[in-house]
Protein backbone atom coordinates (compact mmCIF):
# COMPACT_ATOMS: atom_id res chain seq x y z
CA UNK A 1 0.00 0.00 0.00
CA UNK A 2 1.34 3.40 -0.99
CA UNK A 3 1.38 6.02 1.75
CA UNK A 4 1.34 9.69 0.88
CA UNK A 5 2.12 12.74 3.00
CA UNK A 6 1.54 16.25 1.67
CA UNK A 7 3.01 19.50 2.89
CA UNK A 8 3.52 23.05 1.73
CA UNK A 9 0.09 24.58 1.91
CA UNK A 10 -0.57 27.99 3.37
CA UNK A 11 -2.01 31.42 2.77
CA UNK A 12 -0.92 33.65 -0.06
CA UNK A 13 -2.16 36.75 -1.81
CA UNK A 14 -3.51 36.84 -5.33
CA UNK A 15 -0.72 36.39 -7.83
CA UNK A 16 1.51 34.62 -5.35
CA UNK A 17 3.06 31.18 -5.49
CA UNK A 18 3.18 28.05 -3.40
CA UNK A 19 4.86 24.70 -3.83
CA UNK A 20 3.23 21.59 -2.47
CA UNK A 21 5.15 18.40 -1.76
CA UNK A 22 3.93 14.83 -1.65
CA UNK A 23 6.25 12.19 -0.21
CA UNK A 24 5.43 8.64 -1.21
CA UNK A 25 6.39 5.45 0.60
CA UNK A 26 5.53 1.79 0.24
CA UNK A 27 5.56 1.56 -3.53
CA UNK A 28 7.80 1.83 -6.55
CA UNK A 29 7.82 5.59 -6.99
CA UNK A 30 8.86 5.48 -10.64
CA UNK A 31 5.88 3.29 -11.53
CA UNK A 32 2.84 5.07 -10.15
CA UNK A 33 -0.14 6.95 -11.45
CA UNK A 34 -0.14 10.10 -9.36
CA UNK A 35 -2.33 13.12 -9.26
CA UNK A 36 -3.03 16.32 -7.46
CA UNK A 37 -6.64 17.06 -6.61
CA UNK A 38 -8.40 19.85 -4.78
CA UNK A 39 -11.68 20.32 -3.03
CA UNK A 40 -13.18 23.68 -2.24
CA UNK A 41 -15.98 24.07 0.32
CA UNK A 42 -19.26 22.89 -1.12
CA UNK A 43 -17.67 21.60 -4.30
CA UNK A 44 -16.65 18.22 -5.63
CA UNK A 45 -13.06 17.12 -5.60
CA UNK A 46 -11.42 17.90 -8.92
CA UNK A 47 -8.14 16.99 -10.53
CA UNK A 48 -5.50 19.63 -11.22
CA UNK A 49 -2.69 17.36 -12.45
CA UNK A 50 -2.34 13.75 -13.49
CA UNK A 51 0.83 11.95 -14.45
CA UNK A 52 2.74 8.72 -14.65
CA UNK A 53 5.89 8.94 -12.57
CA UNK A 54 7.82 6.88 -15.11
CA UNK A 55 7.23 9.47 -17.79
CA UNK A 56 7.62 13.22 -18.18
CA UNK A 57 4.18 14.30 -19.26
CA UNK A 58 1.52 15.79 -17.02
CA UNK A 59 -2.11 16.45 -17.87
CA UNK A 60 -3.65 19.65 -16.56
CA UNK A 61 -7.19 20.98 -16.84
CA UNK A 62 -7.69 24.32 -18.49
CA UNK A 63 -8.31 26.06 -15.17
CA UNK A 64 -4.68 25.62 -14.06
CA UNK A 65 -2.76 24.98 -17.28
CA UNK A 66 0.12 27.42 -17.59
CA UNK A 67 0.01 28.25 -13.89
CA UNK A 68 0.56 24.88 -12.19
CA UNK A 69 3.53 22.63 -12.87
CA UNK A 70 4.49 19.25 -11.46
CA UNK A 71 7.97 17.96 -10.90
CA UNK A 72 9.43 15.03 -9.06
CA UNK A 73 12.54 14.00 -7.20
CA UNK A 74 12.91 10.26 -7.62
CA UNK A 75 15.68 10.04 -5.05
CA UNK A 76 13.32 11.48 -2.46
CA UNK A 77 10.17 9.72 -3.70
CA UNK A 78 8.58 13.15 -3.82
CA UNK A 79 6.12 14.76 -6.20
CA UNK A 80 5.80 18.54 -6.25
CA UNK A 81 3.10 20.90 -7.42
CA UNK A 82 4.35 24.40 -8.19
CA UNK A 83 1.45 26.82 -8.21
CA UNK A 84 2.01 30.28 -9.67
CA UNK A 85 -0.26 33.23 -10.39
CA UNK A 86 -2.65 31.98 -7.76
CA UNK A 87 -6.25 33.14 -7.82
CA UNK A 88 -8.93 33.20 -5.10
CA UNK A 89 -10.68 30.34 -6.90
CA UNK A 90 -7.63 28.18 -6.26
CA UNK A 91 -8.51 28.18 -2.56
CA UNK A 92 -9.12 24.58 -1.53
CA UNK A 93 -7.72 21.60 0.28
CA UNK A 94 -5.19 19.98 -1.99
CA UNK A 95 -4.67 16.23 -2.01
CA UNK A 96 -2.04 13.99 -3.50
CA UNK A 97 -3.19 10.62 -4.78
CA UNK A 98 -1.58 7.53 -6.23
CA UNK A 99 -2.30 4.11 -7.59
CA UNK A 100 -0.40 1.41 -9.41
CA UNK A 101 -1.00 1.57 -13.16
CA UNK A 102 -2.44 -1.41 -14.98
CA UNK A 103 -0.47 -0.64 -18.14
CA UNK A 104 3.31 -1.06 -18.07
CA UNK A 105 3.60 2.18 -20.02
CA UNK A 106 1.52 4.08 -17.51
CA UNK A 107 -0.74 5.24 -20.31
CA UNK A 108 -3.81 4.56 -18.20
CA UNK A 109 -2.71 7.21 -15.70
CA UNK A 110 -4.01 10.04 -17.85
CA UNK A 111 -7.69 10.71 -17.44
CA UNK A 112 -7.86 8.22 -14.59
CA UNK A 113 -11.10 8.69 -12.65
CA UNK A 114 -10.76 9.96 -9.11
CA UNK A 115 -12.28 6.75 -7.72
CA UNK A 116 -9.48 4.67 -9.26
CA UNK A 117 -6.82 6.15 -7.00
CA UNK A 118 -6.16 3.75 -4.12
CA UNK A 119 -4.02 5.97 -1.91
CA UNK A 120 -4.64 9.50 -0.71
CA UNK A 121 -2.76 11.94 1.41
CA UNK A 122 -4.28 13.82 4.30
CA UNK A 123 -4.62 17.07 2.37
CA UNK A 124 -3.12 20.50 2.80
CA UNK A 125 -5.01 23.81 2.85
CA UNK A 126 -4.27 26.47 0.27
CA UNK A 127 -5.89 29.87 0.77
CA UNK A 128 -5.57 32.69 -1.74
CA UNK A 129 -6.76 36.08 -0.64
CA UNK A 130 -7.30 39.27 -2.58
């Protein structure tokens, strides 16, 4: 079972930046579907980044594309989410999630439904104020 621990949330003003970290343990870090999700009060949890850790591509929705960027440190089993040009609508609890891909290429990681992720972190609050 993969265990995930997020950190790096906080409060920032509009236009500011934050970097979230997600440390993974208990799995093969370079062979995971991983994603960043967020949930604002009264709203459903939504994905903001999906990737296969054995590849370099990340899928972003239009709401964050160009502002959010993932990176990873394989030596530290850590996935990062760099968030720039933050907006009030980015305010939410952010979660890291992971699951083992069914395809050796990790191709199934992209567009993976939220319910298919087997491991979740505890979440970290991001608040953007104007």
